[in-house]
Amino acid sequence: MTSSKSTKSIGLALQGGGAHGAFAWGVLDRLLEDGRIDVEGLSGTSAGSMNAVVFAYGLINGRDAAREALHNFWKSISEAGQMYSPLKQTPWERLMFGHKLEHSLANQWFKMVTHTFSPYQLNPMNFNPLRDVLESCVDFDELERRSRVKLWLCATNVGTGRARVFETKEITSKVVLASACLPYLFQAVEIDGEHYWDGGFMGNPVLYPLIYGTKTRDIVIVHINPVERPGPPTMSEDIFNRINEISFNTSLIKELRAIYFVQKLMDDGWIKDEYKEKLKYVLMHSIRSDQAMSDLSVTTKFSCDWEFLTMLRDRGRSYATHWLEENYQHLNERSSVDLKKEFL
């Protein structure tokens, strides 16, 4: 999507995190509503991949259409979840625990079953309701022909353990499902003879396509998994939750370390003049979710309750509003995040 004099161009990096991706929905909704930012490229993983393709598909017909597409997608996710999700709370559990699914009987049963049997045993027909939702919300042929933004979606190759990044012309519903394939819930997704699991294991999300594949120097990361939490956790569920967050942030932090290293080389004049133009000085920005997700556990990433999803959307909109107020002026000018201080 090309920028005009009244807008600023960025690359967006969308983390995955199951139902917590509704937070990024809210961020995207607010950026679209604001109208001062043009997205040149989108890198997504898992739920971030879903948000990316729905955003890009809707944007073919303008910002309002993109907002409507995101709303309809998440509404469809909620409706599908009400039919198929094993994690449903009783009215008593909702009254006692709110959205804390880790305390529900359904969660205890779900953990026992998924840690005992594989998806090949539990779901031999490989049924996945996300496929129907995606294909009802996105025309992937039209997306390939008419997308106004560049797309990169990450999945993990099960055999090689490497990240595979799919570009716009390669993206199908199967690619999105591969990017969001949790191995203890779904069978690995086969594409061109290779099998893939969730991209979050190797890139959540990957940043290098935005560096090398777009003209803009600005990358805005929309975080889903908190980077920092006060701790240490002492209860079993809290320990598992923190391990999950750290694991799915690891690849991102490694990329940020590499970006910081290049920035330092250029800032300190360690690069000869004849080589400087071969490097790109990236301006980094970050919409953090640490506080927004502080009261939520990994279990709620499986919640499809519409009230819960719209609550996360509203949190995302609020955080995006604050971020725009504080950082819009820095876009295309300088980084608004200190990589060394905040991530390294």
C-alpha atoms as a PDB file:
ATOM      1  CA  MET A   1       0.000   0.000   0.000  1.00  0.00           C
ATOM      2  CA  THR A   2       1.642   3.244  -1.087  1.00  0.00           C
ATOM      3  CA  SER A   3       1.853   6.167   1.284  1.00  0.00           C
ATOM      4  CA  SER A   4       0.757   9.716   0.581  1.00  0.00           C
ATOM      5  CA  LYS A   5       1.888  13.066   1.979  1.00  0.00           C
ATOM      6  CA  SER A   6      -0.709  12.830   4.758  1.00  0.00           C
ATOM      7  CA  THR A   7       0.225   9.321   5.898  1.00  0.00           C
ATOM      8  CA  LYS A   8       3.283   7.475   7.123  1.00  0.00           C
ATOM      9  CA  SER A   9       4.337   4.070   5.819  1.00  0.00           C
ATOM     10  CA  ILE A  10       5.289   1.175   8.101  1.00  0.00           C
ATOM     11  CA  GLY A  11       5.799  -2.573   8.175  1.00  0.00           C
ATOM     12  CA  LEU A  12       3.686  -4.445  10.728  1.00  0.00           C
ATOM     13  CA  ALA A  13       4.816  -7.578  12.571  1.00  0.00           C
ATOM     14  CA  LEU A  14       1.957  -9.498  14.190  1.00  0.00           C
ATOM     15  CA  GLN A  15       2.652 -12.067  16.899  1.00  0.00           C
ATOM     16  CA  GLY A  16       0.623 -15.222  17.347  1.00  0.00           C
ATOM     17  CA  GLY A  17      -1.198 -16.225  20.494  1.00  0.00           C
ATOM     18  CA  GLY A  18      -4.479 -17.968  19.768  1.00  0.00           C
ATOM     19  CA  ALA A  19      -7.547 -16.099  20.941  1.00  0.00           C
ATOM     20  CA  HIS A  20      -5.260 -13.422  22.373  1.00  0.00           C
ATOM     21  CA  GLY A  21      -4.846 -12.375  18.747  1.00  0.00           C
ATOM     22  CA  ALA A  22      -8.057 -10.422  19.319  1.00  0.00           C
ATOM     23  CA  PHE A  23      -5.831  -7.853  21.048  1.00  0.00           C
ATOM     24  CA  ALA A  24      -4.039  -7.325  17.712  1.00  0.00           C
ATOM     25  CA  TRP A  25      -7.449  -7.120  16.025  1.00  0.00           C
ATOM     26  CA  GLY A  26      -8.135  -4.119  18.250  1.00  0.00           C
ATOM     27  CA  VAL A  27      -4.778  -2.556  17.400  1.00  0.00           C
ATOM     28  CA  LEU A  28      -5.404  -2.984  13.670  1.00  0.00           C
ATOM     29  CA  ASP A  29      -8.936  -1.646  14.002  1.00  0.00           C
ATOM     30  CA  ARG A  30      -7.671   1.509  15.709  1.00  0.00           C
ATOM     31  CA  LEU A  31      -4.877   2.073  13.171  1.00  0.00           C
ATOM     32  CA  LEU A  32      -7.382   1.703  10.329  1.00  0.00           C
ATOM     33  CA  GLU A  33      -9.791   4.073  12.041  1.00  0.00           C
ATOM     34  CA  ASP A  34      -7.026   6.645  12.607  1.00  0.00           C
ATOM     35  CA  GLY A  35      -6.137   6.654   8.918  1.00  0.00           C
ATOM     36  CA  ARG A  36      -2.677   8.235   9.208  1.00  0.00           C
ATOM     37  CA  ILE A  37      -0.703   5.021   8.723  1.00  0.00           C
ATOM     38  CA  ASP A  38      -0.213   3.021   5.546  1.00  0.00           C
ATOM     39  CA  VAL A  39       0.940  -0.581   5.913  1.00  0.00           C
ATOM     40  CA  GLU A  40       3.433  -1.548   3.218  1.00  0.00           C
ATOM     41  CA  GLY A  41       4.102  -5.067   4.487  1.00  0.00           C
ATOM     42  CA  LEU A  42       2.712  -7.509   7.044  1.00  0.00           C
ATOM     43  CA  SER A  43       4.606 -10.331   8.726  1.00  0.00           C
ATOM     44  CA  GLY A  44       2.462 -12.705  10.748  1.00  0.00           C
ATOM     45  CA  THR A  45       2.586 -15.944  12.688  1.00  0.00           C
ATOM     46  CA  SER A  46      -0.294 -18.140  13.859  1.00  0.00           C
ATOM     47  CA  ALA A  47      -3.152 -15.833  14.926  1.00  0.00           C
ATOM     48  CA  GLY A  48      -0.993 -13.021  13.538  1.00  0.00           C
ATOM     49  CA  SER A  49      -1.147 -14.737  10.147  1.00  0.00           C
ATOM     50  CA  MET A  50      -4.924 -14.857  10.350  1.00  0.00           C
ATOM     51  CA  ASN A  51      -5.150 -11.187  11.244  1.00  0.00           C
ATOM     52  CA  ALA A  52      -2.721 -10.384   8.431  1.00  0.00           C
ATOM     53  CA  VAL A  53      -4.615 -12.125   5.636  1.00  0.00           C
ATOM     54  CA  VAL A  54      -8.016 -10.843   6.789  1.00  0.00           C
ATOM     55  CA  PHE A  55      -6.619  -7.300   7.104  1.00  0.00           C
ATOM     56  CA  ALA A  56      -5.015  -7.457   3.648  1.00  0.00           C
ATOM     57  CA  TYR A  57      -8.097  -8.975   2.022  1.00  0.00           C
ATOM     58  CA  GLY A  58     -10.440  -6.384   3.502  1.00  0.00           C
ATOM     59  CA  LEU A  59      -8.074  -3.554   2.617  1.00  0.00           C
ATOM     60  CA  ILE A  60      -8.532  -4.341  -1.080  1.00  0.00           C
ATOM     61  CA  ASN A  61     -11.788  -2.389  -0.734  1.00  0.00           C
ATOM     62  CA  GLY A  62     -10.534   0.243   1.719  1.00  0.00           C
ATOM     63  CA  ARG A  63     -10.002   0.824   5.417  1.00  0.00           C
ATOM     64  CA  ASP A  64     -13.650   0.500   6.451  1.00  0.00           C
ATOM     65  CA  ALA A  65     -13.900  -2.801   4.579  1.00  0.00           C
ATOM     66  CA  ALA A  66     -10.781  -4.039   6.390  1.00  0.00           C
ATOM     67  CA  ARG A  67     -12.298  -3.170   9.762  1.00  0.00           C
ATOM     68  CA  GLU A  68     -15.501  -4.975   8.819  1.00  0.00           C
ATOM     69  CA  ALA A  69     -13.561  -8.012   7.572  1.00  0.00           C
ATOM     70  CA  LEU A  70     -11.670  -8.301  10.864  1.00  0.00           C
ATOM     71  CA  HIS A  71     -14.879  -7.990  12.866  1.00  0.00           C
ATOM     72  CA  ASN A  72     -16.623 -10.643  10.776  1.00  0.00           C
ATOM     73  CA  PHE A  73     -13.651 -12.996  11.017  1.00  0.00           C
ATOM     74  CA  TRP A  74     -13.434 -12.877  14.802  1.00  0.00           C
ATOM     75  CA  LYS A  75     -17.214 -13.174  15.080  1.00  0.00           C
ATOM     76  CA  SER A  76     -17.013 -16.319  12.951  1.00  0.00           C
ATOM     77  CA  ILE A  77     -14.200 -17.643  15.160  1.00  0.00           C
ATOM     78  CA  SER A  78     -16.425 -17.141  18.195  1.00  0.00           C
ATOM     79  CA  GLU A  79     -19.388 -18.882  16.580  1.00  0.00           C
ATOM     80  CA  ALA A  80     -17.255 -21.829  15.455  1.00  0.00           C
ATOM     81  CA  GLY A  81     -15.744 -22.041  18.929  1.00  0.00           C
ATOM     82  CA  GLN A  82     -19.149 -22.232  20.571  1.00  0.00           C
ATOM     83  CA  MET A  83     -19.891 -25.304  18.453  1.00  0.00           C
ATOM     84  CA  TYR A  84     -16.555 -27.121  18.577  1.00  0.00           C
ATOM     85  CA  SER A  85     -14.373 -25.860  21.430  1.00  0.00           C
ATOM     86  CA  PRO A  86     -13.907 -28.364  24.280  1.00  0.00           C
ATOM     87  CA  LEU A  87     -13.058 -25.516  26.654  1.00  0.00           C
ATOM     88  CA  LYS A  88     -16.429 -24.225  27.779  1.00  0.00           C
ATOM     89  CA  GLN A  89     -17.181 -22.909  31.230  1.00  0.00           C
ATOM     90  CA  THR A  90     -20.318 -23.638  33.167  1.00  0.00           C
ATOM     91  CA  PRO A  91     -22.288 -20.589  34.435  1.00  0.00           C
ATOM     92  CA  TRP A  92     -21.001 -21.405  37.935  1.00  0.00           C
ATOM     93  CA  GLU A  93     -17.364 -21.402  36.765  1.00  0.00           C
ATOM     94  CA  ARG A  94     -17.865 -18.106  34.932  1.00  0.00           C
ATOM     95  CA  LEU A  95     -19.354 -16.570  38.076  1.00  0.00           C
ATOM     96  CA  MET A  96     -16.550 -17.849  40.298  1.00  0.00           C
ATOM     97  CA  PHE A  97     -13.527 -17.495  38.046  1.00  0.00           C
ATOM     98  CA  GLY A  98     -14.443 -15.070  35.245  1.00  0.00           C
ATOM     99  CA  HIS A  99     -12.298 -15.875  32.204  1.00  0.00           C
ATOM    100  CA  LYS A 100      -9.758 -17.938  34.167  1.00  0.00           C
ATOM    101  CA  LEU A 101     -10.247 -21.142  32.188  1.00  0.00           C
ATOM    102  CA  GLU A 102      -7.356 -22.840  33.980  1.00  0.00           C
ATOM    103  CA  HIS A 103      -9.699 -23.435  36.930  1.00  0.00           C
ATOM    104  CA  SER A 104     -12.429 -25.080  34.856  1.00  0.00           C
ATOM    105  CA  LEU A 105     -13.136 -28.801  34.813  1.00  0.00           C
ATOM    106  CA  ALA A 106     -13.114 -28.670  31.014  1.00  0.00           C
ATOM    107  CA  ASN A 107      -9.510 -27.437  31.055  1.00  0.00           C
ATOM    108  CA  GLN A 108      -8.364 -30.239  33.311  1.00  0.00           C
ATOM    109  CA  TRP A 109     -10.000 -32.790  31.028  1.00  0.00           C
ATOM    110  CA  PHE A 110      -8.581 -31.058  27.924  1.00  0.00           C
ATOM    111  CA  LYS A 111      -4.997 -31.148  29.256  1.00  0.00           C
ATOM    112  CA  MET A 112      -5.270 -34.787  30.253  1.00  0.00           C
ATOM    113  CA  VAL A 113      -6.593 -35.883  26.866  1.00  0.00           C
ATOM    114  CA  THR A 114      -4.226 -33.816  24.683  1.00  0.00           C
ATOM    115  CA  HIS A 115      -1.192 -34.897  26.705  1.00  0.00           C
ATOM    116  CA  THR A 116      -2.209 -38.552  26.440  1.00  0.00           C
ATOM    117  CA  PHE A 117      -3.383 -38.877  22.860  1.00  0.00           C
ATOM    118  CA  SER A 118      -2.078 -37.275  19.652  1.00  0.00           C
ATOM    119  CA  PRO A 119      -4.309 -35.420  17.142  1.00  0.00           C
ATOM    120  CA  TYR A 120      -3.758 -38.362  14.789  1.00  0.00           C
ATOM    121  CA  GLN A 121      -5.565 -40.528  17.351  1.00  0.00           C
ATOM    122  CA  LEU A 122      -8.160 -38.017  18.525  1.00  0.00           C
ATOM    123  CA  ASN A 123      -8.929 -36.525  15.104  1.00  0.00           C
ATOM    124  CA  PRO A 124      -8.080 -39.113  12.406  1.00  0.00           C
ATOM    125  CA  MET A 125     -10.191 -37.278   9.796  1.00  0.00           C
ATOM    126  CA  ASN A 126      -8.160 -34.114  10.482  1.00  0.00           C
ATOM    127  CA  PHE A 127     -11.209 -31.921  10.985  1.00  0.00           C
ATOM    128  CA  ASN A 128     -10.305 -28.260  11.510  1.00  0.00           C
ATOM    129  CA  PRO A 129     -13.101 -25.667  11.839  1.00  0.00           C
ATOM    130  CA  LEU A 130     -10.588 -22.865  11.219  1.00  0.00           C
ATOM    131  CA  ARG A 131     -10.380 -23.936   7.583  1.00  0.00           C
ATOM    132  CA  ASP A 132     -14.060 -23.210   6.985  1.00  0.00           C
ATOM    133  CA  VAL A 133     -13.848 -19.890   8.826  1.00  0.00           C
ATOM    134  CA  LEU A 134     -10.838 -18.733   6.811  1.00  0.00           C
ATOM    135  CA  GLU A 135     -12.274 -19.757   3.455  1.00  0.00           C
ATOM    136  CA  SER A 136     -15.599 -18.084   4.222  1.00  0.00           C
ATOM    137  CA  CYS A 137     -13.883 -14.816   5.198  1.00  0.00           C
ATOM    138  CA  VAL A 138     -11.040 -14.604   2.645  1.00  0.00           C
ATOM    139  CA  ASP A 139     -10.993 -15.224  -1.108  1.00  0.00           C
ATOM    140  CA  PHE A 140      -7.362 -16.286  -1.390  1.00  0.00           C
ATOM    141  CA  ASP A 141      -7.297 -16.092  -5.186  1.00  0.00           C
ATOM    142  CA  GLU A 142      -8.444 -12.482  -5.037  1.00  0.00           C
ATOM    143  CA  LEU A 143      -5.994 -11.770  -2.230  1.00  0.00           C
ATOM    144  CA  GLU A 144      -3.121 -12.957  -4.426  1.00  0.00           C
ATOM    145  CA  ARG A 145      -4.265 -10.843  -7.387  1.00  0.00           C
ATOM    146  CA  ARG A 146      -5.259  -7.625  -5.646  1.00  0.00           C
ATOM    147  CA  SER A 147      -3.547  -7.338  -2.262  1.00  0.00           C
ATOM    148  CA  ARG A 148      -2.359  -3.799  -1.585  1.00  0.00           C
ATOM    149  CA  VAL A 149       0.151  -4.950   1.039  1.00  0.00           C
ATOM    150  CA  LYS A 150       2.975  -7.479   0.950  1.00  0.00           C
ATOM    151  CA  LEU A 151       2.457 -10.543   3.126  1.00  0.00           C
ATOM    152  CA  TRP A 152       4.876 -12.931   4.806  1.00  0.00           C
ATOM    153  CA  LEU A 153       3.572 -15.785   6.961  1.00  0.00           C
ATOM    154  CA  CYS A 154       5.802 -18.036   9.037  1.00  0.00           C
ATOM    155  CA  ALA A 155       5.439 -21.769   9.678  1.00  0.00           C
ATOM    156  CA  THR A 156       7.866 -24.281  11.203  1.00  0.00           C
ATOM    157  CA  ASN A 157       9.099 -27.162   9.030  1.00  0.00           C
ATOM    158  CA  VAL A 158       8.644 -30.249  11.208  1.00  0.00           C
ATOM    159  CA  GLY A 159      11.406 -32.202   9.472  1.00  0.00           C
ATOM    160  CA  THR A 160      14.141 -29.570   9.290  1.00  0.00           C
ATOM    161  CA  GLY A 161      13.170 -27.478  12.292  1.00  0.00           C
ATOM    162  CA  ARG A 162      13.591 -24.343  10.170  1.00  0.00           C
ATOM    163  CA  ALA A 163      11.260 -21.432   9.615  1.00  0.00           C
ATOM    164  CA  ARG A 164       9.475 -21.335   6.260  1.00  0.00           C
ATOM    165  CA  VAL A 165       8.227 -17.909   5.215  1.00  0.00           C
ATOM    166  CA  PHE A 166       5.434 -17.902   2.642  1.00  0.00           C
ATOM    167  CA  GLU A 167       5.020 -14.824   0.419  1.00  0.00           C
ATOM    168  CA  THR A 168       1.785 -13.284  -0.865  1.00  0.00           C
ATOM    169  CA  LYS A 169       1.679 -15.315  -4.080  1.00  0.00           C
ATOM    170  CA  GLU A 170       2.042 -18.574  -2.117  1.00  0.00           C
ATOM    171  CA  ILE A 171      -0.583 -17.917   0.533  1.00  0.00           C
ATOM    172  CA  THR A 172      -3.623 -20.184   0.744  1.00  0.00           C
ATOM    173  CA  SER A 173      -5.888 -21.240   3.577  1.00  0.00           C
ATOM    174  CA  LYS A 174      -3.593 -24.260   4.036  1.00  0.00           C
ATOM    175  CA  VAL A 175      -0.586 -21.960   4.546  1.00  0.00           C
ATOM    176  CA  VAL A 176      -2.440 -19.994   7.230  1.00  0.00           C
ATOM    177  CA  LEU A 177      -3.460 -23.230   8.945  1.00  0.00           C
ATOM    178  CA  ALA A 178       0.171 -24.389   8.832  1.00  0.00           C
ATOM    179  CA  SER A 179       1.276 -21.158  10.477  1.00  0.00           C
ATOM    180  CA  ALA A 180      -1.256 -21.786  13.274  1.00  0.00           C
ATOM    181  CA  CYS A 181      -0.871 -25.559  13.645  1.00  0.00           C
ATOM    182  CA  LEU A 182      -0.412 -26.427  17.320  1.00  0.00           C
ATOM    183  CA  PRO A 183       1.069 -29.953  17.239  1.00  0.00           C
ATOM    184  CA  TYR A 184      -0.902 -31.341  20.157  1.00  0.00           C
ATOM    185  CA  LEU A 185      -4.211 -30.147  18.668  1.00  0.00           C
ATOM    186  CA  PHE A 186      -3.885 -30.598  14.904  1.00  0.00           C
ATOM    187  CA  GLN A 187      -2.078 -32.896  12.516  1.00  0.00           C
ATOM    188  CA  ALA A 188       0.908 -31.315  10.785  1.00  0.00           C
ATOM    189  CA  VAL A 189      -0.116 -29.481   7.617  1.00  0.00           C
ATOM    190  CA  GLU A 190       1.425 -30.875   4.423  1.00  0.00           C
ATOM    191  CA  ILE A 191       2.443 -28.404   1.715  1.00  0.00           C
ATOM    192  CA  ASP A 192       4.437 -29.532  -1.324  1.00  0.00           C
ATOM    193  CA  GLY A 193       5.509 -32.718   0.436  1.00  0.00           C
ATOM    194  CA  GLU A 194       6.751 -30.955   3.580  1.00  0.00           C
ATOM    195  CA  HIS A 195       4.978 -30.893   6.944  1.00  0.00           C
ATOM    196  CA  TYR A 196       4.521 -27.787   9.069  1.00  0.00           C
ATOM    197  CA  TRP A 197       3.647 -26.781  12.613  1.00  0.00           C
ATOM    198  CA  ASP A 198       2.960 -23.415  14.211  1.00  0.00           C
ATOM    199  CA  GLY A 199       5.401 -20.725  13.078  1.00  0.00           C
ATOM    200  CA  GLY A 200       5.784 -19.423  16.622  1.00  0.00           C
ATOM    201  CA  PHE A 201       8.445 -22.020  17.375  1.00  0.00           C
ATOM    202  CA  MET A 202      10.892 -20.395  14.928  1.00  0.00           C
ATOM    203  CA  GLY A 203       9.583 -16.901  14.210  1.00  0.00           C
ATOM    204  CA  ASN A 204       6.935 -15.074  16.212  1.00  0.00           C
ATOM    205  CA  PRO A 205       6.874 -13.170  13.946  1.00  0.00           C
ATOM    206  CA  VAL A 206       9.832 -12.995  11.550  1.00  0.00           C
ATOM    207  CA  LEU A 207      11.153  -9.484  10.946  1.00  0.00           C
ATOM    208  CA  TYR A 208      13.729  -9.919   8.184  1.00  0.00           C
ATOM    209  CA  PRO A 209      11.183 -10.008   5.308  1.00  0.00           C
ATOM    210  CA  LEU A 210      10.016  -6.547   6.359  1.00  0.00           C
ATOM    211  CA  ILE A 211      13.632  -5.349   6.391  1.00  0.00           C
ATOM    212  CA  TYR A 212      14.564  -6.672   2.967  1.00  0.00           C
ATOM    213  CA  GLY A 213      11.180  -6.692   1.246  1.00  0.00           C
ATOM    214  CA  THR A 214       9.823  -3.198   1.916  1.00  0.00           C
ATOM    215  CA  LYS A 215      10.997   0.348   1.276  1.00  0.00           C
ATOM    216  CA  THR A 216       9.931   1.702   4.661  1.00  0.00           C
ATOM    217  CA  ARG A 217      12.508   1.670   7.466  1.00  0.00           C
ATOM    218  CA  ASP A 218       9.844   1.463  10.192  1.00  0.00           C
ATOM    219  CA  ILE A 219       8.739  -1.818  11.732  1.00  0.00           C
ATOM    220  CA  VAL A 220       5.971  -1.850  14.341  1.00  0.00           C
ATOM    221  CA  ILE A 221       5.690  -5.064  16.388  1.00  0.00           C
ATOM    222  CA  VAL A 222       2.276  -5.848  17.846  1.00  0.00           C
ATOM    223  CA  HIS A 223       3.050  -8.091  20.811  1.00  0.00           C
ATOM    224  CA  ILE A 224       0.697 -10.752  22.116  1.00  0.00           C
ATOM    225  CA  ASN A 225       2.972 -12.645  24.508  1.00  0.00           C
ATOM    226  CA  PRO A 226       4.170 -10.510  27.432  1.00  0.00           C
ATOM    227  CA  VAL A 227       7.922  -9.959  27.405  1.00  0.00           C
ATOM    228  CA  GLU A 228       8.089  -9.144  31.113  1.00  0.00           C
ATOM    229  CA  ARG A 229       6.104 -10.286  34.130  1.00  0.00           C
ATOM    230  CA  PRO A 230       6.747  -9.762  37.823  1.00  0.00           C
ATOM    231  CA  GLY A 231       7.699 -13.093  39.288  1.00  0.00           C
ATOM    232  CA  PRO A 232       8.693 -15.727  39.778  1.00  0.00           C
ATOM    233  CA  PRO A 233       5.533 -17.799  39.291  1.00  0.00           C
ATOM    234  CA  THR A 234       4.976 -20.373  42.011  1.00  0.00           C
ATOM    235  CA  MET A 235       1.851 -22.270  40.951  1.00  0.00           C
ATOM    236  CA  SER A 236       1.962 -25.001  38.301  1.00  0.00           C
ATOM    237  CA  GLU A 237      -0.376 -23.218  35.870  1.00  0.00           C
ATOM    238  CA  ASP A 238       1.531 -19.947  36.242  1.00  0.00           C
ATOM    239  CA  ILE A 239       4.877 -21.668  35.630  1.00  0.00           C
ATOM    240  CA  PHE A 240       3.521 -23.349  32.493  1.00  0.00           C
ATOM    241  CA  ASN A 241       2.105 -20.019  31.334  1.00  0.00           C
ATOM    242  CA  ARG A 242       5.422 -18.199  31.744  1.00  0.00           C
ATOM    243  CA  ILE A 243       7.349 -20.973  29.978  1.00  0.00           C
ATOM    244  CA  ASN A 244       4.940 -20.635  27.063  1.00  0.00           C
ATOM    245  CA  GLU A 245       5.448 -16.867  26.876  1.00  0.00           C
ATOM    246  CA  ILE A 246       9.236 -17.060  27.055  1.00  0.00           C
ATOM    247  CA  SER A 247       9.363 -19.836  24.445  1.00  0.00           C
ATOM    248  CA  PHE A 248       7.236 -17.919  21.955  1.00  0.00           C
ATOM    249  CA  ASN A 249       9.242 -14.716  22.416  1.00  0.00           C
ATOM    250  CA  THR A 250      12.679 -16.294  22.007  1.00  0.00           C
ATOM    251  CA  SER A 251      13.010 -16.124  18.218  1.00  0.00           C
ATOM    252  CA  LEU A 252      11.760 -12.528  18.134  1.00  0.00           C
ATOM    253  CA  ILE A 253      14.265 -11.376  20.742  1.00  0.00           C
ATOM    254  CA  LYS A 254      17.081 -13.027  18.787  1.00  0.00           C
ATOM    255  CA  GLU A 255      16.112 -11.036  15.688  1.00  0.00           C
ATOM    256  CA  LEU A 256      15.902  -7.831  17.708  1.00  0.00           C
ATOM    257  CA  ARG A 257      19.421  -8.517  18.995  1.00  0.00           C
ATOM    258  CA  ALA A 258      20.649  -8.747  15.393  1.00  0.00           C
ATOM    259  CA  ILE A 259      18.889  -5.499  14.457  1.00  0.00           C
ATOM    260  CA  TYR A 260      20.434  -3.758  17.461  1.00  0.00           C
ATOM    261  CA  PHE A 261      23.885  -5.009  16.443  1.00  0.00           C
ATOM    262  CA  VAL A 262      23.532  -3.479  12.956  1.00  0.00           C
ATOM    263  CA  GLN A 263      22.229  -0.244  14.446  1.00  0.00           C
ATOM    264  CA  LYS A 264      25.255  -0.063  16.744  1.00  0.00           C
ATOM    265  CA  LEU A 265      27.680  -0.734  13.880  1.00  0.00           C
ATOM    266  CA  MET A 266      26.186   2.138  11.919  1.00  0.00           C
ATOM    267  CA  ASP A 267      25.768   4.514  14.875  1.00  0.00           C
ATOM    268  CA  ASP A 268      29.374   4.033  16.010  1.00  0.00           C
ATOM    269  CA  GLY A 269      30.831   4.407  12.541  1.00  0.00           C
ATOM    270  CA  TRP A 270      32.204   0.881  12.319  1.00  0.00           C
ATOM    271  CA  ILE A 271      31.002   0.471   8.735  1.00  0.00           C
ATOM    272  CA  LYS A 272      33.063   1.885   5.859  1.00  0.00           C
ATOM    273  CA  ASP A 273      31.253   4.485   3.781  1.00  0.00           C
ATOM    274  CA  GLU A 274      31.244   2.315   0.663  1.00  0.00           C
ATOM    275  CA  TYR A 275      29.308  -0.404   2.531  1.00  0.00           C
ATOM    276  CA  LYS A 276      26.809   1.746   4.434  1.00  0.00           C
ATOM    277  CA  GLU A 277      24.308   1.946   1.616  1.00  0.00           C
ATOM    278  CA  LYS A 278      24.197  -1.838   1.495  1.00  0.00           C
ATOM    279  CA  LEU A 279      22.747  -1.905   5.009  1.00  0.00           C
ATOM    280  CA  LYS A 280      19.324  -0.715   6.087  1.00  0.00           C
ATOM    281  CA  TYR A 281      19.004   1.231   9.317  1.00  0.00           C
ATOM    282  CA  VAL A 282      15.734  -0.061  10.738  1.00  0.00           C
ATOM    283  CA  LEU A 283      13.549   2.097  12.962  1.00  0.00           C
ATOM    284  CA  MET A 284      11.875  -0.095  15.571  1.00  0.00           C
ATOM    285  CA  HIS A 285       8.562   0.475  17.316  1.00  0.00           C
ATOM    286  CA  SER A 286       6.657  -1.734  19.705  1.00  0.00           C
ATOM    287  CA  ILE A 287       3.057  -1.975  20.900  1.00  0.00           C
ATOM    288  CA  ARG A 288       3.623  -4.042  24.028  1.00  0.00           C
ATOM    289  CA  SER A 289       0.987  -6.249  25.650  1.00  0.00           C
ATOM    290  CA  ASP A 290       2.653  -6.901  29.016  1.00  0.00           C
ATOM    291  CA  GLN A 291       0.043  -5.073  31.076  1.00  0.00           C
ATOM    292  CA  ALA A 292      -2.847  -5.904  28.751  1.00  0.00           C
ATOM    293  CA  MET A 293      -2.249  -9.650  29.138  1.00  0.00           C
ATOM    294  CA  SER A 294      -1.045  -9.668  32.739  1.00  0.00           C
ATOM    295  CA  ASP A 295      -4.315 -11.077  34.063  1.00  0.00           C
ATOM    296  CA  LEU A 296      -4.624 -13.786  31.398  1.00  0.00           C
ATOM    297  CA  SER A 297      -3.134 -17.274  31.265  1.00  0.00           C
ATOM    298  CA  VAL A 298      -2.120 -19.459  28.347  1.00  0.00           C
ATOM    299  CA  THR A 299      -5.384 -21.377  28.743  1.00  0.00           C
ATOM    300  CA  THR A 300      -7.442 -18.352  27.703  1.00  0.00           C
ATOM    301  CA  LYS A 301      -5.723 -18.491  24.316  1.00  0.00           C
ATOM    302  CA  PHE A 302      -8.335 -21.172  23.578  1.00  0.00           C
ATOM    303  CA  SER A 303     -11.340 -19.092  24.624  1.00  0.00           C
ATOM    304  CA  CYS A 304     -13.765 -18.237  21.828  1.00  0.00           C
ATOM    305  CA  ASP A 305     -16.309 -16.429  23.996  1.00  0.00           C
ATOM    306  CA  TRP A 306     -17.455 -13.296  22.144  1.00  0.00           C
ATOM    307  CA  GLU A 307     -17.457 -11.197  25.298  1.00  0.00           C
ATOM    308  CA  PHE A 308     -13.859 -12.214  25.941  1.00  0.00           C
ATOM    309  CA  LEU A 309     -12.736 -11.552  22.356  1.00  0.00           C
ATOM    310  CA  THR A 310     -14.322  -8.101  22.231  1.00  0.00           C
ATOM    311  CA  MET A 311     -12.797  -7.279  25.616  1.00  0.00           C
ATOM    312  CA  LEU A 312      -9.371  -8.031  24.131  1.00  0.00           C
ATOM    313  CA  ARG A 313     -10.237  -6.011  21.021  1.00  0.00           C
ATOM    314  CA  ASP A 314     -11.115  -3.032  23.188  1.00  0.00           C
ATOM    315  CA  ARG A 315      -7.851  -3.383  25.104  1.00  0.00           C
ATOM    316  CA  GLY A 316      -5.981  -3.431  21.802  1.00  0.00           C
ATOM    317  CA  ARG A 317      -7.794  -0.304  20.626  1.00  0.00           C
ATOM    318  CA  SER A 318      -6.956   1.467  23.881  1.00  0.00           C
ATOM    319  CA  TYR A 319      -3.270   0.542  23.717  1.00  0.00           C
ATOM    320  CA  ALA A 320      -3.084   1.569  20.062  1.00  0.00           C
ATOM    321  CA  THR A 321      -4.678   4.927  20.859  1.00  0.00           C
ATOM    322  CA  HIS A 322      -2.093   5.590  23.556  1.00  0.00           C
ATOM    323  CA  TRP A 323       0.715   4.411  21.277  1.00  0.00           C
ATOM    324  CA  LEU A 324      -0.384   6.751  18.480  1.00  0.00           C
ATOM    325  CA  GLU A 325      -0.494   9.690  20.884  1.00  0.00           C
ATOM    326  CA  GLU A 326       2.999   8.970  22.155  1.00  0.00           C
ATOM    327  CA  ASN A 327       4.780   7.687  19.058  1.00  0.00           C
ATOM    328  CA  TYR A 328       3.149   8.690  15.773  1.00  0.00           C
ATOM    329  CA  GLN A 329       5.460  11.700  15.589  1.00  0.00           C
ATOM    330  CA  HIS A 330       8.499   9.377  15.642  1.00  0.00           C
ATOM    331  CA  LEU A 331       7.440   7.263  12.659  1.00  0.00           C
ATOM    332  CA  ASN A 332       9.746   7.687   9.656  1.00  0.00           C
ATOM    333  CA  GLU A 333      12.037   9.771  11.897  1.00  0.00           C
ATOM    334  CA  ARG A 334      13.560   7.601  14.626  1.00  0.00           C
ATOM    335  CA  SER A 335      13.019   4.475  16.682  1.00  0.00           C
ATOM    336  CA  SER A 336      10.568   4.839  19.534  1.00  0.00           C
ATOM    337  CA  VAL A 337      11.852   1.784  21.397  1.00  0.00           C
ATOM    338  CA  ASP A 338      15.257   1.270  23.007  1.00  0.00           C
ATOM    339  CA  LEU A 339      16.075  -2.285  21.913  1.00  0.00           C
ATOM    340  CA  LYS A 340      18.948  -2.728  24.321  1.00  0.00           C
ATOM    341  CA  LYS A 341      16.983  -1.527  27.328  1.00  0.00           C
ATOM    342  CA  GLU A 342      13.628  -3.164  26.622  1.00  0.00           C
ATOM    343  CA  PHE A 343      14.535  -6.454  24.959  1.00  0.00           C
ATOM    344  CA  LEU A 344      18.212  -7.299  25.353  1.00  0.00           C
END
